[in-house]
Protein backbone atom coordinates (compact mmCIF):
# COMPACT_ATOMS: atom_id res chain seq x y z
CA MET A 1 27.23 22.39 -0.70
CA GLU A 2 30.77 20.74 -0.47
CA VAL A 3 30.90 17.28 0.83
CA ASP A 4 33.48 14.29 0.67
CA GLY A 5 33.46 12.24 -2.48
CA MET A 6 32.50 8.55 -2.38
CA SER A 7 33.96 5.89 -4.71
CA LYS A 8 31.78 4.00 -7.08
CA LYS A 9 31.17 0.35 -6.05
CA LYS A 10 30.59 -2.41 -8.55
CA ILE A 11 29.56 -5.77 -7.24
CA VAL A 12 30.25 -8.26 -9.89
CA SER A 13 30.54 -11.46 -7.80
CA LEU A 14 27.99 -14.33 -8.16
CA VAL A 15 27.04 -13.90 -4.56
CA SER A 16 26.05 -10.21 -5.27
CA VAL A 17 24.15 -11.03 -8.36
CA LEU A 18 22.11 -13.64 -6.54
CA LEU A 19 21.42 -11.26 -3.69
CA VAL A 20 20.07 -8.72 -6.11
CA MET A 21 17.97 -11.15 -7.75
CA PHE A 22 16.68 -12.60 -4.57
CA LEU A 23 15.67 -9.05 -3.50
CA VAL A 24 13.56 -8.73 -6.62
CA LEU A 25 11.58 -11.70 -5.62
CA SER A 26 11.45 -11.07 -1.90
CA ALA A 27 9.13 -8.81 0.05
CA CYS A 28 9.59 -7.12 3.46
CA SER A 29 7.35 -5.32 5.62
CA THR A 30 8.23 -2.43 7.89
CA ALA A 31 6.91 -0.17 11.79
CA ASP A 32 6.22 3.23 13.02
CA THR A 33 8.48 5.02 15.42
CA ASP A 34 8.59 8.40 16.93
CA LYS A 35 12.27 8.47 16.97
CA PRO A 36 14.00 11.27 15.03
CA ALA A 37 15.69 10.02 11.86
CA GLU A 38 18.94 11.58 12.77
CA THR A 39 19.17 9.59 15.89
CA ASN A 40 17.77 6.33 14.63
CA LYS A 41 21.02 4.48 14.47
CA GLN A 42 20.55 0.73 14.49
CA ASP A 43 22.75 -1.59 16.90
CA GLY A 44 24.91 -3.69 14.90
CA ALA A 45 24.20 -1.87 11.65
CA ASP A 46 26.46 0.47 9.52
CA GLN A 47 26.46 4.06 10.59
CA PRO A 48 24.94 6.63 8.13
CA ALA A 49 27.40 7.78 5.47
CA GLU A 50 27.65 11.36 4.29
CA SER A 51 25.34 12.43 1.44
CA ALA A 52 27.92 13.16 -1.24
CA PRO A 53 28.35 13.33 -4.94
CA GLN A 54 30.40 10.79 -6.67
CA GLU A 55 34.01 11.45 -7.74
CA GLY A 56 34.00 13.51 -10.87
CA GLY A 57 30.70 15.14 -10.13
CA SER A 58 30.19 18.78 -10.81
CA ASP A 59 29.88 21.53 -8.19
CA SER A 60 26.29 22.31 -7.72
CA ASP A 61 26.93 25.60 -6.20
CA GLY A 62 27.39 27.17 -9.60
CA ILE A 63 24.36 25.57 -11.04
CA LEU A 64 21.56 25.82 -8.55
CA ASN A 65 19.56 28.74 -7.51
CA GLU A 66 18.76 29.48 -3.94
CA LEU A 67 16.39 27.18 -2.25
CA GLY A 68 12.79 27.97 -2.87
CA MET A 69 13.57 29.79 -6.17
CA GLU A 70 12.17 28.71 -9.47
CA PRO A 71 13.65 27.43 -11.63
CA ILE A 72 16.02 25.29 -9.60
CA VAL A 73 18.91 25.69 -12.01
CA LYS A 74 20.56 28.89 -13.34
CA GLU A 75 21.33 27.42 -16.77
CA PRO A 76 20.15 24.61 -18.98
CA TYR A 77 20.59 21.24 -17.52
CA THR A 78 19.64 17.69 -18.53
CA LEU A 79 18.81 14.87 -16.22
CA THR A 80 17.64 11.37 -16.78
CA ILE A 81 14.91 9.49 -14.87
CA GLY A 82 14.39 5.71 -14.94
CA ILE A 83 10.66 4.95 -14.47
CA PRO A 84 8.30 1.98 -15.20
CA GLN A 85 6.38 2.52 -18.41
CA ASN A 86 2.76 2.59 -17.17
CA THR A 87 0.48 1.60 -20.06
CA ASN A 88 -2.03 4.39 -19.17
CA VAL A 89 0.57 7.02 -19.58
CA GLU A 90 0.56 7.93 -23.28
CA ASN A 91 3.89 9.76 -23.63
CA TYR A 92 6.21 10.69 -20.91
CA ASP A 93 8.12 13.30 -22.92
CA THR A 94 4.87 15.39 -23.84
CA ASN A 95 3.08 14.57 -20.52
CA HIS A 96 1.61 17.45 -18.74
CA TYR A 97 3.18 16.68 -15.42
CA THR A 98 6.66 16.35 -17.19
CA GLN A 99 6.15 19.75 -18.75
CA LEU A 100 5.09 21.30 -15.45
CA LEU A 101 8.07 19.80 -13.72
CA GLU A 102 10.48 21.01 -16.51
CA LYS A 103 8.91 24.54 -16.39
CA LYS A 104 9.27 24.79 -12.60
CA SER A 105 12.72 23.30 -12.40
CA GLY A 106 14.38 24.44 -15.58
CA ILE A 107 15.62 20.91 -16.22
CA ASP A 108 15.23 19.10 -19.39
CA ILE A 109 14.08 15.62 -18.28
CA LYS A 110 14.92 12.51 -20.32
CA PHE A 111 13.58 9.19 -19.67
CA GLU A 112 14.75 5.65 -19.51
CA LEU A 113 11.49 3.48 -19.48
CA PHE A 114 11.52 0.15 -17.58
CA PRO A 115 9.01 -2.49 -18.56
CA ALA A 116 5.91 -1.94 -16.38
CA LYS A 117 5.66 -5.55 -15.16
CA ASP A 118 9.25 -6.21 -14.81
CA ALA A 119 10.58 -2.78 -13.48
CA LYS A 120 12.29 -4.38 -10.41
CA GLN A 121 13.95 -7.07 -12.62
CA LYS A 122 15.16 -4.32 -15.12
CA LEU A 123 16.80 -2.44 -12.17
CA ALA A 124 18.32 -5.62 -10.81
CA VAL A 125 19.74 -6.68 -14.23
CA MET A 126 21.13 -3.21 -14.77
CA ILE A 127 22.94 -3.30 -11.44
CA SER A 128 24.31 -6.81 -11.60
CA GLY A 129 25.56 -6.17 -15.12
CA GLY A 130 27.36 -2.99 -14.24
CA SER A 131 25.32 -0.70 -16.52
CA ALA A 132 25.18 2.96 -15.86
CA LEU A 133 22.10 4.04 -13.92
CA PRO A 134 19.91 7.10 -14.70
CA ASP A 135 20.43 10.12 -12.47
CA ILE A 136 17.22 9.24 -10.63
CA VAL A 137 15.28 5.94 -10.38
CA SER A 138 11.61 6.48 -9.58
CA LEU A 139 10.26 3.08 -8.76
CA VAL A 140 7.39 2.94 -6.20
CA GLY A 141 7.10 -0.46 -4.52
CA LEU A 142 10.69 -1.36 -3.80
CA THR A 143 10.71 -2.95 -0.44
CA ASP A 144 12.63 -1.63 2.57
CA LEU A 145 14.99 -4.43 2.24
CA GLU A 146 15.65 -3.78 -1.42
CA VAL A 147 16.37 -0.15 -0.83
CA TYR A 148 18.64 -0.81 2.00
CA SER A 149 20.61 -3.31 -0.05
CA TYR A 150 20.99 -1.04 -2.97
CA GLY A 151 21.85 1.78 -0.76
CA SER A 152 24.20 0.02 1.45
CA GLN A 153 26.12 -1.25 -1.63
CA GLY A 154 26.27 2.28 -3.02
CA TYR A 155 23.89 2.14 -5.81
CA PHE A 156 21.36 4.55 -4.21
CA LEU A 157 22.95 7.53 -2.25
CA PRO A 158 22.15 8.43 1.11
CA LEU A 159 20.07 11.59 1.28
CA ASN A 160 20.25 12.50 5.03
CA ASP A 161 22.35 15.59 4.67
CA TYR A 162 20.36 16.73 1.45
CA PHE A 163 17.10 16.63 3.48
CA LYS A 164 18.68 18.71 6.19
CA ASN A 165 20.47 21.32 3.89
CA SER A 166 18.84 21.10 0.36
CA SER A 167 15.22 20.65 1.08
CA HIS A 168 12.65 23.39 0.58
CA TYR A 169 9.34 21.98 -0.63
CA PHE A 170 9.59 18.75 1.38
CA LYS A 171 10.25 20.72 4.55
CA LEU A 172 7.34 23.16 3.86
CA ALA A 173 4.97 20.09 3.32
CA VAL A 174 6.22 18.65 6.52
CA GLU A 175 5.62 21.76 8.53
CA GLU A 176 2.12 22.55 6.94
CA HIS A 177 0.77 19.08 7.62
CA GLY A 178 2.52 18.17 10.83
CA LEU A 179 4.48 15.31 9.36
CA ASP A 180 7.40 15.59 11.54
CA THR A 181 8.09 11.83 11.69
CA LEU A 182 7.64 11.20 8.05
CA LEU A 183 11.31 10.50 7.32
CA ASN A 184 11.48 8.00 10.23
CA ASP A 185 9.33 5.47 8.28
CA VAL A 186 11.75 5.53 5.26
CA THR A 187 14.94 5.41 7.28
CA SER A 188 16.85 2.08 6.57
CA ALA A 189 18.21 -0.26 9.12
CA ASP A 190 21.64 1.50 8.75
CA GLY A 191 20.16 4.98 9.73
CA ASN A 192 20.44 6.28 6.15
CA ILE A 193 17.56 7.71 4.11
CA TYR A 194 17.71 6.57 0.44
CA THR A 195 14.56 7.73 -0.88
CA VAL A 196 12.29 10.75 -1.38
CA PRO A 197 9.02 9.30 -0.61
CA LEU A 198 5.58 9.17 -2.03
CA TYR A 199 3.08 10.02 0.74
CA HIS A 200 -0.58 9.65 -0.11
CA PRO A 201 -2.72 8.15 2.85
CA GLU A 202 -6.30 7.28 2.11
CA TYR A 203 -8.83 6.28 4.60
CA GLY A 204 -10.26 3.98 2.00
CA ASN A 205 -7.07 1.92 2.09
CA GLU A 206 -6.25 2.23 5.77
CA TRP A 207 -9.28 0.21 6.95
CA ASP A 208 -9.89 -1.94 3.91
CA HIS A 209 -10.93 -5.32 5.14
CA ARG A 210 -14.56 -4.77 4.34
CA ALA A 211 -17.58 -6.63 3.25
CA TRP A 212 -20.86 -5.67 1.71
CA ILE A 213 -24.40 -6.90 1.91
CA ASN A 214 -27.69 -6.79 -0.04
CA LYS A 215 -29.88 -4.24 1.68
CA THR A 216 -32.68 -4.83 -0.70
CA TRP A 217 -32.81 -8.39 0.28
CA LEU A 218 -32.70 -7.59 4.00
CA GLU A 219 -35.79 -5.27 3.41
CA ALA A 220 -37.56 -7.93 1.36
CA LEU A 221 -37.25 -10.43 4.03
CA ASP A 222 -37.75 -8.14 6.97
CA LEU A 223 -34.36 -8.68 8.29
CA ASP A 224 -32.23 -6.42 10.46
CA MET A 225 -28.64 -5.58 9.53
CA PRO A 226 -26.53 -8.40 11.26
CA THR A 227 -24.24 -7.30 13.95
CA THR A 228 -22.88 -10.70 15.11
CA THR A 229 -21.46 -13.79 13.51
CA ASP A 230 -24.49 -15.77 14.59
CA GLU A 231 -26.88 -13.15 13.19
CA TYR A 232 -24.98 -12.99 9.90
CA TYR A 233 -25.26 -16.88 9.59
CA GLU A 234 -28.95 -16.62 9.87
CA VAL A 235 -29.18 -13.87 7.37
CA LEU A 236 -27.14 -15.85 4.80
CA LYS A 237 -29.32 -18.93 5.48
CA ALA A 238 -32.32 -16.73 4.75
CA PHE A 239 -30.85 -15.42 1.57
CA LYS A 240 -30.32 -19.08 0.42
CA GLU A 241 -33.74 -20.43 1.29
CA LYS A 242 -36.36 -17.66 0.95
CA ASP A 243 -35.98 -16.39 -2.58
CA PRO A 244 -35.24 -12.75 -1.66
CA ASN A 245 -34.77 -11.80 -5.44
CA GLY A 246 -38.36 -12.96 -5.99
CA ASN A 247 -37.90 -14.91 -9.18
CA GLY A 248 -38.96 -18.26 -7.93
CA LYS A 249 -35.49 -19.88 -8.49
CA ALA A 250 -32.94 -21.08 -6.15
CA ASP A 251 -30.30 -19.02 -7.70
CA GLU A 252 -29.16 -16.84 -4.92
CA ILE A 253 -25.52 -16.85 -3.70
CA PRO A 254 -25.45 -15.83 -0.10
CA PHE A 255 -21.79 -14.99 0.01
CA ILE A 256 -19.11 -14.92 -2.81
CA GLY A 257 -15.50 -13.73 -3.17
CA ASP A 258 -12.53 -14.27 -5.32
CA ILE A 259 -8.84 -15.36 -5.07
CA ASN A 260 -7.11 -12.25 -6.24
CA GLY A 261 -9.36 -9.13 -5.67
CA TRP A 262 -8.70 -6.41 -3.21
CA ASN A 263 -9.38 -8.15 0.10
CA SER A 264 -12.14 -10.27 -1.34
CA GLN A 265 -11.19 -13.55 0.41
CA PRO A 266 -13.74 -14.21 3.17
CA GLN A 267 -11.29 -14.69 6.03
CA LYS A 268 -9.85 -11.16 5.60
CA PHE A 269 -13.14 -9.76 6.91
CA PHE A 270 -14.65 -12.56 9.11
CA MET A 271 -11.57 -13.65 11.09
CA ASN A 272 -11.63 -10.20 12.83
CA ALA A 273 -14.63 -11.44 14.81
CA PHE A 274 -12.52 -14.03 16.49
CA ILE A 275 -8.91 -12.81 16.40
CA TYR A 276 -7.00 -9.65 14.89
CA TYR A 277 -6.18 -10.63 11.36
CA ASN A 278 -2.92 -8.99 10.13
CA ASP A 279 -2.41 -10.39 6.81
CA SER A 280 -0.44 -7.28 5.57
CA TYR A 281 2.15 -8.26 8.12
CA ASN A 282 2.22 -12.15 7.97
CA TYR A 283 -0.43 -12.61 10.83
CA LEU A 284 1.81 -11.12 13.61
CA LEU A 285 0.37 -9.73 16.78
CA VAL A 286 1.94 -7.52 19.49
CA ASP A 287 1.04 -7.25 22.98
CA ASN A 288 3.15 -4.99 25.37
CA GLY A 289 5.92 -5.10 22.99
CA LYS A 290 5.95 -8.84 22.65
CA ILE A 291 5.74 -10.33 19.17
CA ASP A 292 3.47 -13.32 18.52
CA THR A 293 1.38 -14.80 15.85
CA GLY A 294 -2.35 -15.28 15.48
CA ALA A 295 -2.17 -18.28 13.20
CA ASN A 296 -1.60 -20.85 15.92
CA LYS A 297 -4.16 -19.63 18.45
CA ASP A 298 -7.43 -21.23 19.44
CA GLU A 299 -9.24 -18.08 18.42
CA TRP A 300 -7.85 -18.56 14.82
CA LYS A 301 -9.25 -22.07 14.84
CA GLN A 302 -12.61 -20.79 16.07
CA GLY A 303 -12.69 -18.40 13.10
CA LEU A 304 -11.91 -21.12 10.64
CA GLU A 305 -14.53 -23.33 12.26
CA TYR A 306 -17.10 -20.63 11.63
CA LEU A 307 -16.07 -20.10 8.01
CA ASN A 308 -16.11 -23.90 7.48
CA LYS A 309 -19.70 -23.95 8.76
CA LEU A 310 -20.75 -21.29 6.32
CA TYR A 311 -19.07 -23.23 3.50
CA SER A 312 -20.37 -26.67 4.51
CA ASP A 313 -23.92 -25.17 4.62
CA GLY A 314 -23.77 -23.87 1.19
CA LEU A 315 -23.61 -20.27 2.35
CA ILE A 316 -20.20 -19.50 0.80
CA SER A 317 -19.98 -20.11 -3.00
CA PRO A 318 -17.08 -22.60 -4.00
CA LEU A 319 -16.23 -20.22 -6.63
CA THR A 320 -14.91 -17.92 -4.03
CA PHE A 321 -11.76 -20.19 -3.94
CA THR A 322 -11.20 -20.63 -7.66
CA GLN A 323 -12.35 -17.54 -9.61
CA ASP A 324 -10.43 -14.36 -10.25
CA ARG A 325 -11.70 -10.74 -10.00
CA ALA A 326 -12.74 -10.63 -13.69
CA GLN A 327 -14.88 -13.81 -13.16
CA LEU A 328 -16.43 -12.47 -9.98
CA GLN A 329 -17.54 -9.48 -11.84
CA GLN A 330 -19.22 -11.58 -14.37
CA VAL A 331 -21.20 -13.56 -11.73
CA ILE A 332 -22.14 -10.19 -9.94
CA GLU A 333 -23.31 -8.62 -13.13
CA ASN A 334 -25.73 -11.45 -14.09
CA PRO A 335 -28.10 -9.77 -16.52
CA ASP A 336 -31.16 -12.04 -15.54
CA ALA A 337 -31.45 -11.26 -11.84
CA GLN A 338 -29.69 -9.98 -8.82
CA ILE A 339 -28.10 -13.14 -7.20
CA ILE A 340 -25.57 -11.87 -4.84
CA GLY A 341 -26.44 -11.50 -1.07
CA SER A 342 -22.99 -10.57 0.42
CA VAL A 343 -19.44 -10.16 -0.89
CA ALA A 344 -16.12 -9.20 0.71
CA SER A 345 -13.96 -6.51 -0.94
CA GLY A 346 -11.96 -3.41 -0.12
CA SER A 347 -14.26 -1.30 -2.24
CA MET A 348 -17.04 -1.74 -4.80
CA SER A 349 -14.49 -2.22 -7.51
CA MET A 350 -15.87 -5.71 -8.38
CA TYR A 351 -18.87 -3.68 -9.74
CA GLN A 352 -18.85 -1.87 -13.14
CA THR A 353 -18.74 1.97 -12.83
CA ASP A 354 -22.43 2.30 -14.01
CA SER A 355 -23.72 -1.02 -12.69
CA LYS A 356 -27.20 -1.05 -11.28
CA ARG A 357 -26.41 -4.12 -9.25
CA LYS A 358 -24.47 -2.23 -6.62
CA GLU A 359 -27.38 -0.02 -5.79
CA ASP A 360 -28.79 -3.11 -3.79
CA MET A 361 -25.66 -3.13 -1.75
CA THR A 362 -24.37 -1.37 1.39
CA HIS A 363 -21.48 -1.90 3.79
CA LEU A 364 -21.50 -4.68 6.36
CA PRO A 365 -20.24 -3.18 9.69
CA PRO A 366 -17.55 -5.38 11.52
CA LEU A 367 -19.19 -8.23 13.17
CA THR A 368 -18.94 -9.32 16.90
CA GLY A 369 -17.95 -12.91 17.52
CA PRO A 370 -19.10 -15.16 20.22
CA ASP A 371 -16.42 -13.97 22.62
CA GLY A 372 -17.11 -10.29 22.02
CA VAL A 373 -14.29 -9.74 19.60
CA CYS A 374 -14.84 -7.06 17.01
CA TRP A 375 -11.76 -5.90 15.23
CA SER A 376 -10.98 -4.14 11.91
CA THR A 377 -7.58 -4.57 10.24
CA LYS A 378 -5.50 -1.34 10.15
CA ARG A 379 -3.12 -1.01 7.11
CA TYR A 380 0.07 0.80 6.95
CA GLN A 381 -0.56 4.32 5.39
CA GLY A 382 2.84 5.84 5.91
CA PRO A 383 5.18 7.10 3.13
CA GLN A 384 6.28 4.61 0.42
CA ASN A 385 9.77 4.30 -1.08
CA ALA A 386 9.53 6.13 -4.35
CA SER A 387 12.47 8.05 -5.90
CA TYR A 388 16.16 7.67 -5.58
CA VAL A 389 19.40 9.49 -6.47
CA THR A 390 21.79 6.91 -7.98
CA LYS A 391 25.59 6.55 -7.88
CA ASP A 392 25.73 7.68 -11.43
CA ALA A 393 23.97 10.98 -10.97
CA LYS A 394 26.31 13.61 -12.52
CA ASP A 395 25.24 15.95 -9.81
CA PRO A 396 23.35 14.43 -6.88
CA GLU A 397 22.31 17.68 -5.32
CA VAL A 398 20.55 18.82 -8.55
CA ALA A 399 18.81 15.49 -8.69
CA PHE A 400 17.76 15.74 -5.09
CA ARG A 401 16.38 19.32 -5.57
CA LEU A 402 14.31 17.99 -8.63
CA LEU A 403 12.81 15.30 -6.24
CA ASP A 404 12.28 17.79 -3.52
CA LEU A 405 10.32 20.02 -6.00
CA MET A 406 8.00 17.13 -6.82
CA CYS A 407 6.86 17.44 -3.11
CA GLU A 408 5.50 20.94 -3.90
CA THR A 409 1.64 20.97 -3.44
CA GLU A 410 0.48 21.73 -7.16
CA LEU A 411 2.83 19.08 -8.41
CA SER A 412 1.95 16.51 -5.83
CA VAL A 413 -1.79 17.02 -6.68
CA THR A 414 -1.16 17.01 -10.29
CA SER A 415 0.69 13.79 -10.04
CA ARG A 416 -2.68 12.19 -9.04
CA PHE A 417 -5.46 14.24 -10.67
CA GLY A 418 -3.84 15.75 -13.72
CA GLU A 419 -3.84 19.17 -15.18
CA PHE A 420 -4.98 22.06 -12.99
CA GLU A 421 -8.25 23.67 -14.14
CA LYS A 422 -8.64 20.95 -16.84
CA ASP A 423 -8.81 17.81 -14.70
CA TRP A 424 -9.16 19.30 -11.30
CA LYS A 425 -9.47 22.53 -9.45
CA PHE A 426 -9.44 23.54 -5.64
CA ALA A 427 -12.76 23.39 -4.00
CA THR A 428 -14.51 26.72 -3.28
CA GLU A 429 -16.59 27.90 -0.33
CA ALA A 430 -19.68 26.71 -2.24
CA ASP A 431 -18.24 23.20 -2.22
CA LYS A 432 -18.26 22.93 1.63
CA GLY A 433 -20.28 20.06 2.95
CA THR A 434 -19.67 17.99 -0.27
CA GLY A 435 -16.39 16.37 0.70
CA LEU A 436 -16.35 12.49 0.75
CA TYR A 437 -14.75 12.46 4.21
CA GLU A 438 -15.97 15.84 5.40
CA ASP A 439 -17.99 14.18 8.31
CA MET A 440 -14.55 12.86 9.54
CA GLY A 441 -12.82 16.24 9.52
CA ILE A 442 -11.43 16.18 6.15
CA PRO A 443 -12.61 19.41 4.24
CA ALA A 444 -13.54 19.38 0.67
CA THR A 445 -10.45 20.48 -1.01
CA ILE A 446 -10.30 18.92 -4.58
CA LEU A 447 -12.98 19.04 -7.14
CA VAL A 448 -12.28 16.53 -9.91
CA ILE A 449 -13.46 17.69 -13.30
CA ASN A 450 -12.15 14.86 -15.36
CA ASN A 451 -11.44 11.62 -13.55
CA HIS A 452 -9.07 9.68 -15.83
CA TRP A 453 -7.57 7.46 -13.08
CA GLY A 454 -6.91 4.00 -14.62
CA GLN A 455 -7.46 5.30 -18.19
CA PRO A 456 -5.12 6.21 -20.98
CA GLN A 457 -4.08 9.92 -20.36
CA ASN A 458 -1.11 12.32 -20.84
CA ALA A 459 -1.55 14.40 -17.68
CA GLU A 460 0.35 12.61 -14.93
CA TRP A 461 2.76 9.73 -14.19
CA ALA A 462 0.24 7.52 -12.44
CA ASP A 463 1.75 8.13 -9.02
CA SER A 464 5.07 6.66 -9.84
CA GLN A 465 7.26 9.45 -8.30
CA ALA A 466 7.95 11.35 -5.10
CA ALA A 467 4.90 13.39 -3.78
CA ILE A 468 3.47 14.72 -0.50
CA ARG A 469 -0.19 14.59 -0.61
CA PRO A 470 -1.88 14.14 2.66
CA TYR A 471 -5.54 13.27 3.15
CA LYS A 472 -7.05 16.55 2.05
CA TYR A 473 -5.07 16.67 -1.14
CA GLY A 474 -5.96 13.18 -2.20
CA ILE A 475 -9.25 11.09 -2.43
CA GLY A 476 -10.02 12.03 1.15
CA GLY A 477 -10.43 15.62 0.05
CA MET A 478 -12.46 14.96 -2.99
CA THR A 479 -15.94 16.53 -3.45
CA TRP A 480 -18.91 14.35 -4.02
CA ASP A 481 -21.26 14.91 -7.05
CA GLY A 482 -24.26 13.59 -5.14
CA ASN A 483 -24.47 10.11 -6.78
CA PRO A 484 -25.21 7.76 -3.86
CA TYR A 485 -23.93 4.88 -5.90
CA ASP A 486 -20.64 6.33 -6.75
CA SER A 487 -18.03 3.68 -5.67
CA GLN A 488 -15.80 6.14 -3.90
CA TYR A 489 -18.83 7.58 -1.95
CA MET A 490 -19.95 4.08 -0.86
CA THR A 491 -16.54 3.40 0.38
CA ALA A 492 -16.38 6.71 2.32
CA GLN A 493 -19.82 5.85 3.85
CA ALA A 494 -18.37 2.53 5.06
CA VAL A 495 -15.07 3.81 6.58
CA PRO A 496 -16.51 5.32 9.88
CA PHE A 497 -17.78 1.79 10.78
CA TYR A 498 -14.36 0.36 10.45
CA ILE A 499 -11.99 3.16 11.65
CA ASP A 500 -10.16 2.83 15.02
CA LYS A 501 -11.31 -0.66 15.58
CA ALA A 502 -7.80 -2.15 15.50
CA PRO A 503 -6.11 -3.20 18.79
CA GLU A 504 -4.13 -0.48 20.45
CA GLU A 505 -0.88 -2.09 19.59
CA VAL A 506 -0.51 -3.22 15.95
CA ILE A 507 2.52 -3.93 13.80
CA LEU A 508 2.66 -1.66 10.71
CA LYS A 509 6.35 -1.66 9.95
CA VAL A 510 9.60 -3.32 10.99
CA PRO A 511 12.79 -2.73 8.85
CA PHE A 512 15.14 -5.80 8.60
CA THR A 513 18.82 -5.81 7.94
CA THR A 514 20.13 -7.92 5.09
CA GLU A 515 21.50 -10.47 7.63
CA GLU A 516 18.04 -10.66 9.33
CA ASN A 517 16.27 -11.19 6.03
CA ASP A 518 18.85 -13.93 5.02
CA ARG A 519 17.95 -15.70 8.17
CA ILE A 520 14.12 -15.75 7.88
CA SER A 521 13.36 -15.23 4.32
CA GLU A 522 13.03 -19.01 3.56
CA ILE A 523 11.25 -19.59 6.92
CA LEU A 524 8.79 -16.73 6.14
CA ASN A 525 8.06 -17.85 2.71
CA SER A 526 7.29 -21.45 3.81
CA LEU A 527 5.26 -20.18 6.84
CA LYS A 528 3.00 -17.89 4.85
CA THR A 529 2.53 -20.42 2.16
CA TYR A 530 1.58 -23.17 4.66
CA ILE A 531 -0.68 -20.77 6.55
CA ASP A 532 -2.53 -19.60 3.51
CA GLU A 533 -2.88 -23.01 1.99
CA SER A 534 -4.07 -24.53 5.32
CA THR A 535 -6.48 -21.62 5.92
CA GLN A 536 -8.28 -22.49 2.65
CA ARG A 537 -8.22 -26.15 3.25
CA PHE A 538 -9.76 -25.79 6.64
CA ILE A 539 -12.57 -23.60 5.33
CA VAL A 540 -13.60 -25.94 2.37
CA GLY A 541 -13.09 -29.16 4.57
CA ASP A 542 -10.05 -30.61 2.78
CA MET A 543 -8.21 -30.48 6.10
CA PRO A 544 -10.42 -31.68 9.01
CA PHE A 545 -10.06 -29.90 12.37
CA SER A 546 -8.81 -33.11 13.93
CA GLU A 547 -5.56 -32.17 12.23
CA TRP A 548 -5.31 -28.86 14.08
CA ASP A 549 -2.62 -29.99 16.48
CA ASN A 550 -0.54 -31.42 13.46
CA TYR A 551 -0.98 -27.98 11.79
CA VAL A 552 0.43 -26.13 14.75
CA SER A 553 3.25 -28.60 14.95
CA GLU A 554 4.12 -28.08 11.42
CA LEU A 555 4.44 -24.17 11.92
CA ASN A 556 6.85 -24.95 14.65
CA ASN A 557 8.78 -27.40 12.35
CA ILE A 558 8.97 -24.81 9.66
CA GLY A 559 10.69 -22.40 12.03
CA LEU A 560 8.05 -20.25 13.70
CA GLU A 561 10.05 -19.71 16.86
CA GLU A 562 13.06 -18.46 14.88
CA TYR A 563 10.97 -16.28 12.88
CA LEU A 564 9.41 -14.62 15.79
CA GLU A 565 12.65 -14.23 17.49
CA VAL A 566 14.17 -12.25 14.54
CA VAL A 567 11.11 -9.99 14.14
CA GLN A 568 11.24 -9.39 17.87
CA GLN A 569 14.96 -8.31 17.58
CA ALA A 570 14.20 -5.91 14.61
CA TYR A 571 11.14 -4.52 16.22
CA ASP A 572 12.99 -3.77 19.52
CA ARG A 573 15.88 -2.15 17.64
CA TYR A 574 13.52 0.07 15.61
CA ASN A 575 11.78 1.22 18.64
CA GLY A 576 14.91 2.10 20.50
CA LYS A 577 14.97 -0.78 23.00
């Protein structure tokens, strides 16, 4: 494919260096649209550039085989990938996924390993210092704004034309799984696509503001499962006063959480009984297209008053607001007796894999508040920014074709579960009825033989690259081994009680321009810090509710109105208004 060349850009001014480093520290959330990517031009933003190799790049027509043929290249070819060095990946060169990718592509892959915890910083330093970039950067977790900035400055190449003309496996996955709007979610504010995404939605993550309750204690005290906030209060009070563990000691903890676990802060579950709690998008609400915040509403205050009552009556452990996840696990695994009545968490990850303590627990369905509110937070489960062709790729189309190959089904599944027939295999007819989410219409597809996730292994890259793995090819399609206390099974059992309980309109994604982000970033950081700190202070009583009006006034002083104005502008633009 012949396209026009594009000159290299080097940003060496202090302003640009500061911008890059700012992007490393900033975060940006983003919203769904059904608008086709090729028509998703943003008012006031740059128009899409042509996808083109850099000046001096080779002509890929003589290198590449026809689309759909393996290997990708006709002759030996070497390509470099920059990737974070996950501590659980033993050796990227000898890794099974690497070897499979090399076999299918015919490309010899070399790695430039970034520090796992500082991968973004490493990339920013390379760019600000003018260092040559690898052909491909595979860095899941770059924000939309970071991708937009690197792309608009020329460090990442626009891939619009490559997706149209040079994609095979990505197109097959889109057609097979009905993912026609997939690219819309990774289209930047200038209309360009700079990433080949990682798409791996999971029901267990999509509805993850959950809580758990001790069913053994409910049975011991002859209590029904609570369905309202008032009933839950009475249950916790009984847990505290009536010795449900039967050891004659007042050692029961009615409710506990931690400060950094997966949704283990109490407000993430309980506020949904008063007002929709959208912490993943900075507590924003939308009604008939109008952007607003929940953090200054009377319903928000009511939710905090309820949590303060639980805390004041000794039903929420003070440790909830000081301990980390590891410390919570130590409390939960108390060897002398079961002492936990209820806990908030996205999963059962606060329990050890073989813990007997979790056998007492079951999911707590969403509670209904005094005004009949009963929401469940919906998380964004669209594609993530994953892999990028850089300005220094010696042949961008070859690099793109390799990323396209990563979206092939076997490679996409291997990238999560490891080696086929050693670590996993496809479920058979005999496995029907054993799928974790089969009752929800996701068939048993993947039988895991060796679950090494989170453990040292040399089978995959720990999901650090492009892949297309919809529900049935991920955890959603896993078979169940029959253990009722398997953490993934317990999560799967909880999901039906939470799913589809979000408002009809929710904010999941809004792409900002650099100019918009510059305008609101300081405001947003201050707002979020103030809301989060005030929420905890209201709950534990450090800030009395007589200060509510002052709290609301301070939100306005920080710049809430301007923030909502900018979000509205970006939201309307992205939705074609």
